[in-house]
Amino acid sequence: MWLNESEQQLRRDLQGLASDLRWSAVELLRIEQQLRQLGSEVDAQAVQRLCALFQGDEEKLSGYAEEVKAKVISRNKAQ
């Protein structure tokens, strides 16, 4: 099934955001390692939690992009 222009743009935007989160997490992991080497364990753990959050969000956005591609977007309204 072909995507119309707005669907293609939405998919590209979602993929771009997911990519940005992925690379941000990679950079944060590098910073985390430096913090550990400097003995700042508390800060390193905080950065590690941010990385996990970014990685989870990256997976969600990638999944949403695939839903757009497959034209199977379904969200239940929050109650």
N, C-alpha and C. Protein backbone atom coordinates (compact mmCIF):
# COMPACT_ATOMS: atom_id res chain seq x y z
N MET A 1 0.83 -1.17 0.00
CA MET A 1 0.00 0.00 0.00
C MET A 1 0.88 1.25 0.00
N TRP A 2 0.57 2.20 -0.85
CA TRP A 2 1.36 3.42 -0.96
C TRP A 2 0.94 4.42 0.11
N LEU A 3 1.91 5.18 0.59
CA LEU A 3 1.63 6.23 1.57
C LEU A 3 1.43 7.55 0.86
N ASN A 4 0.46 8.34 1.34
CA ASN A 4 0.31 9.67 0.76
C ASN A 4 1.41 10.57 1.32
N GLU A 5 1.46 11.79 0.83
CA GLU A 5 2.55 12.70 1.19
C GLU A 5 2.62 12.97 2.70
N SER A 6 1.48 13.20 3.32
CA SER A 6 1.49 13.49 4.77
C SER A 6 1.89 12.26 5.58
N GLU A 7 1.50 11.08 5.14
CA GLU A 7 1.91 9.86 5.83
C GLU A 7 3.42 9.63 5.68
N GLN A 8 3.94 9.90 4.48
CA GLN A 8 5.38 9.77 4.27
C GLN A 8 6.15 10.74 5.17
N GLN A 9 5.66 11.97 5.27
CA GLN A 9 6.32 12.96 6.11
C GLN A 9 6.26 12.56 7.58
N LEU A 10 5.12 12.06 8.02
CA LEU A 10 4.98 11.60 9.40
C LEU A 10 5.97 10.47 9.68
N ARG A 11 6.05 9.53 8.76
CA ARG A 11 6.98 8.40 8.94
C ARG A 11 8.42 8.88 9.00
N ARG A 12 8.79 9.80 8.10
CA ARG A 12 10.16 10.35 8.10
C ARG A 12 10.44 11.09 9.40
N ASP A 13 9.47 11.85 9.87
CA ASP A 13 9.65 12.59 11.13
C ASP A 13 9.84 11.63 12.31
N LEU A 14 9.02 10.59 12.36
CA LEU A 14 9.15 9.61 13.44
C LEU A 14 10.49 8.90 13.39
N GLN A 15 10.91 8.52 12.20
CA GLN A 15 12.20 7.86 12.05
C GLN A 15 13.35 8.81 12.44
N GLY A 16 13.23 10.07 12.05
CA GLY A 16 14.25 11.05 12.39
C GLY A 16 14.36 11.27 13.89
N LEU A 17 13.22 11.39 14.54
CA LEU A 17 13.23 11.56 16.00
C LEU A 17 13.80 10.33 16.70
N ALA A 18 13.44 9.16 16.21
CA ALA A 18 13.97 7.92 16.78
C ALA A 18 15.49 7.88 16.62
N SER A 19 15.97 8.28 15.46
CA SER A 19 17.41 8.31 15.21
C SER A 19 18.11 9.31 16.13
N ASP A 20 17.50 10.48 16.31
CA ASP A 20 18.07 11.48 17.22
C ASP A 20 18.17 10.93 18.64
N LEU A 21 17.14 10.24 19.08
CA LEU A 21 17.18 9.65 20.43
C LEU A 21 18.25 8.58 20.53
N ARG A 22 18.39 7.77 19.48
CA ARG A 22 19.39 6.70 19.48
C ARG A 22 20.80 7.29 19.63
N TRP A 23 21.11 8.31 18.82
CA TRP A 23 22.44 8.90 18.88
C TRP A 23 22.65 9.69 20.16
N SER A 24 21.62 10.28 20.70
CA SER A 24 21.73 10.97 21.98
C SER A 24 22.06 9.97 23.08
N ALA A 25 21.42 8.82 23.04
CA ALA A 25 21.70 7.78 24.03
C ALA A 25 23.14 7.29 23.91
N VAL A 26 23.63 7.14 22.69
CA VAL A 26 25.01 6.72 22.48
C VAL A 26 25.97 7.74 23.10
N GLU A 27 25.72 9.01 22.86
CA GLU A 27 26.57 10.06 23.43
C GLU A 27 26.47 10.08 24.95
N LEU A 28 25.27 9.91 25.47
CA LEU A 28 25.11 9.89 26.92
C LEU A 28 25.84 8.70 27.55
N LEU A 29 25.85 7.57 26.87
CA LEU A 29 26.60 6.41 27.39
C LEU A 29 28.09 6.71 27.47
N ARG A 30 28.59 7.45 26.49
CA ARG A 30 30.00 7.84 26.51
C ARG A 30 30.26 8.75 27.72
N ILE A 31 29.35 9.69 27.94
CA ILE A 31 29.48 10.59 29.10
C ILE A 31 29.37 9.81 30.40
N GLU A 32 28.48 8.83 30.42
CA GLU A 32 28.34 7.99 31.62
C GLU A 32 29.66 7.31 31.96
N GLN A 33 30.31 6.76 30.96
CA GLN A 33 31.60 6.09 31.19
C GLN A 33 32.64 7.06 31.75
N GLN A 34 32.65 8.26 31.22
CA GLN A 34 33.59 9.27 31.72
C GLN A 34 33.29 9.64 33.16
N LEU A 35 32.01 9.77 33.49
CA LEU A 35 31.63 10.08 34.86
C LEU A 35 32.07 8.98 35.82
N ARG A 36 31.91 7.73 35.40
CA ARG A 36 32.35 6.61 36.25
C ARG A 36 33.86 6.65 36.46
N GLN A 37 34.59 6.96 35.40
CA GLN A 37 36.05 7.04 35.53
C GLN A 37 36.47 8.17 36.46
N LEU A 38 35.68 9.21 36.52
CA LEU A 38 35.97 10.33 37.41
C LEU A 38 35.46 10.09 38.84
N GLY A 39 34.78 8.96 39.04
CA GLY A 39 34.31 8.61 40.37
C GLY A 39 32.95 9.20 40.73
N SER A 40 32.24 9.68 39.76
CA SER A 40 30.93 10.28 40.01
C SER A 40 29.82 9.26 39.71
N GLU A 41 29.70 8.29 40.59
CA GLU A 41 28.77 7.18 40.38
C GLU A 41 27.31 7.63 40.35
N VAL A 42 26.94 8.55 41.21
CA VAL A 42 25.55 9.02 41.26
C VAL A 42 25.17 9.68 39.94
N ASP A 43 26.03 10.53 39.43
CA ASP A 43 25.75 11.19 38.14
C ASP A 43 25.73 10.17 37.01
N ALA A 44 26.63 9.21 37.06
CA ALA A 44 26.67 8.17 36.02
C ALA A 44 25.37 7.37 36.01
N GLN A 45 24.85 7.07 37.19
CA GLN A 45 23.60 6.33 37.26
C GLN A 45 22.43 7.15 36.72
N ALA A 46 22.44 8.45 36.98
CA ALA A 46 21.39 9.33 36.46
C ALA A 46 21.43 9.36 34.93
N VAL A 47 22.62 9.44 34.38
CA VAL A 47 22.78 9.44 32.93
C VAL A 47 22.35 8.09 32.36
N GLN A 48 22.65 7.03 33.07
CA GLN A 48 22.25 5.69 32.62
C GLN A 48 20.72 5.57 32.56
N ARG A 49 20.04 6.15 33.54
CA ARG A 49 18.57 6.13 33.53
C ARG A 49 18.02 6.93 32.34
N LEU A 50 18.65 8.05 32.04
CA LEU A 50 18.24 8.83 30.87
C LEU A 50 18.43 8.03 29.59
N CYS A 51 19.52 7.30 29.50
CA CYS A 51 19.78 6.47 28.32
C CYS A 51 18.69 5.42 28.15
N ALA A 52 18.32 4.79 29.23
CA ALA A 52 17.27 3.77 29.17
C ALA A 52 15.95 4.39 28.73
N LEU A 53 15.65 5.57 29.22
CA LEU A 53 14.44 6.28 28.83
C LEU A 53 14.48 6.60 27.33
N PHE A 54 15.60 7.14 26.86
CA PHE A 54 15.75 7.48 25.44
C PHE A 54 15.62 6.23 24.57
N GLN A 55 16.23 5.14 25.00
CA GLN A 55 16.17 3.91 24.21
C GLN A 55 14.75 3.37 24.12
N GLY A 56 14.01 3.44 25.21
CA GLY A 56 12.62 3.01 25.20
C GLY A 56 11.77 3.87 24.27
N ASP A 57 11.99 5.18 24.34
CA ASP A 57 11.25 6.09 23.48
C ASP A 57 11.63 5.90 22.01
N GLU A 58 12.89 5.62 21.75
CA GLU A 58 13.35 5.36 20.38
C GLU A 58 12.63 4.14 19.81
N GLU A 59 12.49 3.11 20.61
CA GLU A 59 11.79 1.90 20.16
C GLU A 59 10.32 2.20 19.87
N LYS A 60 9.68 3.00 20.72
CA LYS A 60 8.29 3.36 20.49
C LYS A 60 8.13 4.12 19.18
N LEU A 61 8.98 5.13 18.97
CA LEU A 61 8.89 5.92 17.75
C LEU A 61 9.15 5.08 16.50
N SER A 62 10.10 4.18 16.59
CA SER A 62 10.37 3.28 15.46
C SER A 62 9.15 2.41 15.18
N GLY A 63 8.52 1.93 16.23
CA GLY A 63 7.31 1.13 16.09
C GLY A 63 6.17 1.93 15.47
N TYR A 64 6.03 3.19 15.90
CA TYR A 64 5.00 4.04 15.32
C TYR A 64 5.26 4.27 13.83
N ALA A 65 6.53 4.47 13.47
CA ALA A 65 6.88 4.67 12.05
C ALA A 65 6.50 3.44 11.23
N GLU A 66 6.71 2.26 11.79
CA GLU A 66 6.34 1.04 11.08
C GLU A 66 4.82 0.90 10.97
N GLU A 67 4.09 1.36 12.00
CA GLU A 67 2.63 1.35 11.93
C GLU A 67 2.14 2.28 10.82
N VAL A 68 2.77 3.44 10.69
CA VAL A 68 2.40 4.37 9.62
C VAL A 68 2.64 3.69 8.27
N LYS A 69 3.78 3.05 8.14
CA LYS A 69 4.11 2.37 6.88
C LYS A 69 3.08 1.29 6.54
N ALA A 70 2.69 0.54 7.56
CA ALA A 70 1.73 -0.56 7.35
C ALA A 70 0.28 -0.08 7.34
N LYS A 71 0.08 1.21 7.65
CA LYS A 71 -1.27 1.78 7.73
C LYS A 71 -2.16 1.06 8.73
N VAL A 72 -1.59 0.75 9.88
CA VAL A 72 -2.33 0.05 10.93
C VAL A 72 -2.24 0.80 12.25
N ILE A 73 -2.38 2.10 12.19
CA ILE A 73 -2.29 2.92 13.40
C ILE A 73 -3.59 2.77 14.17
N SER A 74 -3.46 2.38 15.42
CA SER A 74 -4.66 2.30 16.26
C SER A 74 -4.30 2.69 17.67
N ARG A 75 -4.94 3.71 18.16
CA ARG A 75 -4.72 4.18 19.53
C ARG A 75 -6.08 4.30 20.20
N ASN A 76 -6.16 3.73 21.37
CA ASN A 76 -7.39 3.87 22.15
C ASN A 76 -7.32 5.18 22.91
N LYS A 77 -8.42 5.88 22.97
CA LYS A 77 -8.48 7.14 23.69
C LYS A 77 -8.35 6.86 25.19
N ALA A 78 -7.51 7.64 25.87
CA ALA A 78 -7.33 7.48 27.31
C ALA A 78 -8.64 7.78 28.01
N GLN A 79 -8.93 6.99 29.03
CA GLN A 79 -10.19 7.17 29.76
C GLN A 79 -9.98 7.89 31.06
